[in-house]
Amino acid sequence: MVEPQPLSDPRVLRAIAHPVRTRILDELHASGPSRAADVARELGIPANQASFHLRQLAKYGLVEEAPEEARDRRDRVWRATAAAGYTVNLSALAAEPGGRSAVEVFRSSKLAWLHQVVDRSFAMSRKDGRGVFATSDQALRLTDEEAHQLRQEIDDLVDSWAQRTRGRDPGRRTYLLVQMVQPYPEEPTEPTEPTEPTEPAG
């Protein structure tokens, strides 16, 4: 199994904090080598915007051209340089020059994205009305070593699915799988009671 690469440059962390670039990287990992036109079609953005972000990702070594996939010399096909993605140690990155601000930008972007993902999963109605939406959370009694082993087994299972479904099959769509393994929060947050709207003082 190919292991994720550690990300150690704060400049790269800041580069992937951009939501469109994160989405492009996800698409390249899910679908394999792609042209800017493929990326633009999947993301619903203009082709020149997809090309710009691909060049920015290439500038930081996150994507590279795949000439063996091209039809001719003018055909530009891109692939992710890290087949299994990246691991990010925020504490270590924050200690690097310029790292603290890069970490804050990355955290803010990721938190906003995760809020959007959770909100969509629990939405009462969805515009497209298609797809499978499933959420689950479970409490397990584990040692730290067992938690690490569980995470590895989940990663192996997901990787096996990624390997056999990678490509541009028109019958498939890109799905997002979010997983978190962590010690149970010690202080559960009480739900906030809705408040009645108030009129501004005149």
Protein backbone atom coordinates (compact mmCIF):
# COMPACT_ATOMS: atom_id res chain seq x y z
CA MET A 1 0.00 0.00 0.00
CA VAL A 2 1.25 3.50 -0.89
CA GLU A 3 1.58 5.67 2.22
CA PRO A 4 0.50 9.33 2.36
CA GLN A 5 3.34 11.83 2.15
CA PRO A 6 4.00 14.19 5.09
CA LEU A 7 3.41 17.83 4.20
CA SER A 8 6.13 19.97 5.78
CA ASP A 9 6.07 23.32 3.93
CA PRO A 10 3.72 26.04 5.28
CA ARG A 11 3.54 27.62 1.81
CA VAL A 12 2.11 24.38 0.43
CA LEU A 13 -0.36 24.21 3.33
CA ARG A 14 -1.58 27.70 2.49
CA ALA A 15 -1.87 26.74 -1.20
CA ILE A 16 -4.18 23.80 -0.53
CA ALA A 17 -6.31 25.80 1.92
CA HIS A 18 -8.09 27.21 -1.14
CA PRO A 19 -11.37 25.23 -1.47
CA VAL A 20 -11.22 24.94 -5.26
CA ARG A 21 -7.67 23.57 -5.17
CA THR A 22 -8.64 21.08 -2.47
CA ARG A 23 -11.55 19.96 -4.66
CA ILE A 24 -9.26 19.59 -7.69
CA LEU A 25 -6.83 17.43 -5.72
CA ASP A 26 -9.72 15.29 -4.50
CA GLU A 27 -10.96 14.86 -8.07
CA LEU A 28 -7.51 13.85 -9.33
CA HIS A 29 -7.23 11.26 -6.56
CA ALA A 30 -10.72 9.91 -7.28
CA SER A 31 -10.60 9.93 -11.07
CA GLY A 32 -6.92 9.72 -11.94
CA PRO A 33 -5.08 11.81 -14.57
CA SER A 34 -7.34 14.55 -15.95
CA ARG A 35 -7.37 17.50 -18.30
CA ALA A 36 -8.39 20.98 -17.23
CA ALA A 37 -11.59 20.52 -19.25
CA ASP A 38 -12.40 17.33 -17.27
CA VAL A 39 -11.82 19.15 -13.98
CA ALA A 40 -13.89 22.14 -15.11
CA ARG A 41 -16.81 19.92 -16.08
CA GLU A 42 -16.77 18.02 -12.77
CA LEU A 43 -16.52 21.18 -10.65
CA GLY A 44 -18.80 23.33 -12.79
CA ILE A 45 -16.21 26.08 -13.23
CA PRO A 46 -14.74 27.74 -16.35
CA ALA A 47 -11.89 25.82 -18.02
CA ASN A 48 -9.50 28.78 -17.67
CA GLN A 49 -10.15 28.86 -13.92
CA ALA A 50 -9.42 25.13 -13.67
CA SER A 51 -6.19 25.66 -15.67
CA PHE A 52 -5.10 28.49 -13.37
CA HIS A 53 -5.58 26.43 -10.22
CA LEU A 54 -3.84 23.41 -11.76
CA ARG A 55 -0.83 25.59 -12.57
CA GLN A 56 -0.81 26.91 -9.00
CA LEU A 57 -0.91 23.36 -7.64
CA ALA A 58 1.95 22.44 -10.00
CA LYS A 59 3.95 25.44 -8.73
CA TYR A 60 3.94 23.87 -5.26
CA GLY A 61 4.63 20.34 -6.50
CA LEU A 62 1.15 19.00 -5.73
CA VAL A 63 0.33 18.05 -9.33
CA GLU A 64 2.43 17.32 -12.38
CA GLU A 65 1.88 16.69 -16.06
CA ALA A 66 1.30 13.11 -17.21
CA PRO A 67 2.69 13.16 -20.79
CA GLU A 68 2.08 9.43 -21.27
CA GLU A 69 -1.66 10.14 -20.97
CA ALA A 70 -1.62 12.97 -23.54
CA ARG A 71 -2.91 12.60 -27.11
CA ASP A 72 -0.20 14.89 -28.51
CA ARG A 73 2.33 17.49 -27.40
CA ARG A 74 -0.30 20.20 -26.98
CA ASP A 75 -2.54 18.00 -24.84
CA ARG A 76 -1.95 18.68 -21.12
CA VAL A 77 -3.00 15.98 -18.71
CA TRP A 78 -2.44 16.38 -14.96
CA ARG A 79 -2.05 13.93 -12.11
CA ALA A 80 -1.56 14.26 -8.35
CA THR A 81 2.08 13.80 -7.32
CA ALA A 82 1.15 12.02 -4.08
CA ALA A 83 -0.98 9.02 -5.01
CA ALA A 84 -2.20 8.51 -1.43
CA GLY A 85 -2.49 12.17 -0.48
CA TYR A 86 -0.82 13.88 2.45
CA THR A 87 -0.58 13.80 6.22
CA VAL A 88 -0.55 17.14 7.98
CA ASN A 89 0.99 17.75 11.43
CA LEU A 90 -0.35 21.19 12.30
CA SER A 91 1.77 21.56 15.46
CA ALA A 92 4.99 20.86 13.56
CA LEU A 93 3.99 23.16 10.70
CA ALA A 94 3.09 25.99 13.10
CA ALA A 95 6.69 25.89 14.41
CA GLU A 96 8.10 26.59 10.92
CA PRO A 97 8.76 30.16 9.69
CA GLY A 98 5.42 31.53 8.50
CA GLY A 99 3.77 28.38 9.74
CA ARG A 100 1.41 29.79 12.34
CA SER A 101 -0.47 32.02 9.89
CA ALA A 102 -0.56 29.24 7.28
CA VAL A 103 -2.02 26.85 9.87
CA GLU A 104 -4.71 29.37 10.83
CA VAL A 105 -5.71 29.86 7.18
CA PHE A 106 -5.81 26.08 6.68
CA ARG A 107 -7.83 25.46 9.87
CA SER A 108 -10.36 28.16 9.04
CA SER A 109 -10.83 26.79 5.53
CA LYS A 110 -11.19 23.19 6.72
CA LEU A 111 -13.61 24.08 9.52
CA ALA A 112 -15.82 26.04 7.14
CA TRP A 113 -15.76 23.14 4.68
CA LEU A 114 -16.61 20.54 7.32
CA HIS A 115 -19.51 22.68 8.56
CA GLN A 116 -20.80 22.82 4.98
CA VAL A 117 -20.44 19.04 4.59
CA VAL A 118 -22.27 18.29 7.84
CA ASP A 119 -25.03 20.82 7.10
CA ARG A 120 -25.63 19.25 3.68
CA SER A 121 -25.72 15.74 5.14
CA PHE A 122 -28.42 16.75 7.62
CA ALA A 123 -30.37 18.99 5.23
CA MET A 124 -34.11 18.31 5.16
CA SER A 125 -34.24 18.90 1.41
CA ARG A 126 -31.66 18.84 -1.35
CA LYS A 127 -31.80 20.49 -4.74
CA ASP A 128 -30.60 17.54 -6.80
CA GLY A 129 -32.47 14.84 -4.87
CA ARG A 130 -29.88 12.26 -5.95
CA GLY A 131 -27.13 10.30 -4.26
CA VAL A 132 -26.65 8.44 -1.00
CA PHE A 133 -26.33 10.50 2.18
CA ALA A 134 -25.30 8.61 5.31
CA THR A 135 -23.83 9.69 8.63
CA SER A 136 -22.87 7.59 11.63
CA ASP A 137 -20.94 7.93 14.84
CA GLN A 138 -19.99 5.17 17.24
CA ALA A 139 -18.26 5.02 20.61
CA LEU A 140 -15.61 2.30 21.06
CA ARG A 141 -13.38 1.36 23.98
CA LEU A 142 -9.84 1.24 22.54
CA THR A 143 -6.23 1.59 23.49
CA ASP A 144 -4.29 4.18 21.48
CA GLU A 145 -2.62 1.33 19.59
CA GLU A 146 -5.99 -0.23 18.78
CA ALA A 147 -7.28 3.15 17.59
CA HIS A 148 -4.30 3.41 15.26
CA GLN A 149 -4.94 -0.11 13.97
CA LEU A 150 -8.63 0.67 13.38
CA ARG A 151 -7.75 3.79 11.41
CA GLN A 152 -5.28 1.80 9.30
CA GLU A 153 -7.85 -0.90 8.55
CA ILE A 154 -10.39 1.75 7.49
CA ASP A 155 -7.75 3.42 5.27
CA ASP A 156 -6.92 0.07 3.66
CA LEU A 157 -10.58 -0.62 2.91
CA VAL A 158 -11.15 2.84 1.41
CA ASP A 159 -7.94 2.54 -0.61
CA SER A 160 -9.10 -0.77 -2.11
CA TRP A 161 -12.34 0.89 -3.23
CA ALA A 162 -10.43 3.88 -4.63
CA GLN A 163 -8.17 1.60 -6.67
CA ARG A 164 -11.00 -0.32 -8.30
CA THR A 165 -13.27 2.65 -9.00
CA ARG A 166 -10.69 5.19 -10.23
CA GLY A 167 -11.42 6.55 -13.70
CA ARG A 168 -14.03 8.51 -15.60
CA ASP A 169 -16.92 6.07 -15.72
CA PRO A 170 -19.99 8.21 -16.58
CA GLY A 171 -22.10 5.99 -14.33
CA ARG A 172 -20.15 7.13 -11.27
CA ARG A 173 -20.02 10.41 -9.39
CA THR A 174 -17.41 11.61 -6.93
CA TYR A 175 -18.36 10.82 -3.33
CA LEU A 176 -16.86 12.32 -0.19
CA LEU A 177 -16.03 10.07 2.76
CA VAL A 178 -15.09 11.90 5.95
CA GLN A 179 -13.63 9.92 8.84
CA MET A 180 -12.47 11.02 12.28
CA VAL A 181 -10.89 8.85 14.94
CA GLN A 182 -10.23 10.63 18.22
CA PRO A 183 -10.69 10.30 21.98
CA TYR A 184 -14.27 11.07 22.98
CA PRO A 185 -14.69 14.80 23.81
CA GLU A 186 -14.61 15.20 27.57
CA GLU A 187 -17.09 18.07 27.75
CA PRO A 188 -20.16 17.58 25.53
CA THR A 189 -21.44 20.88 24.19
CA GLU A 190 -24.99 21.71 25.14
CA PRO A 191 -27.20 22.56 22.15
CA THR A 192 -27.93 26.26 21.83
CA GLU A 193 -31.57 27.18 22.31
CA PRO A 194 -33.00 29.27 19.47
CA THR A 195 -33.74 32.84 20.49
CA GLU A 196 -36.66 34.99 19.43
CA PRO A 197 -35.78 37.79 17.00
CA THR A 198 -35.79 41.20 18.64
CA GLU A 199 -36.68 44.58 17.21
CA PRO A 200 -33.91 47.18 17.10
CA ALA A 201 -34.20 49.86 19.74
CA GLY A 202 -35.58 53.11 18.34
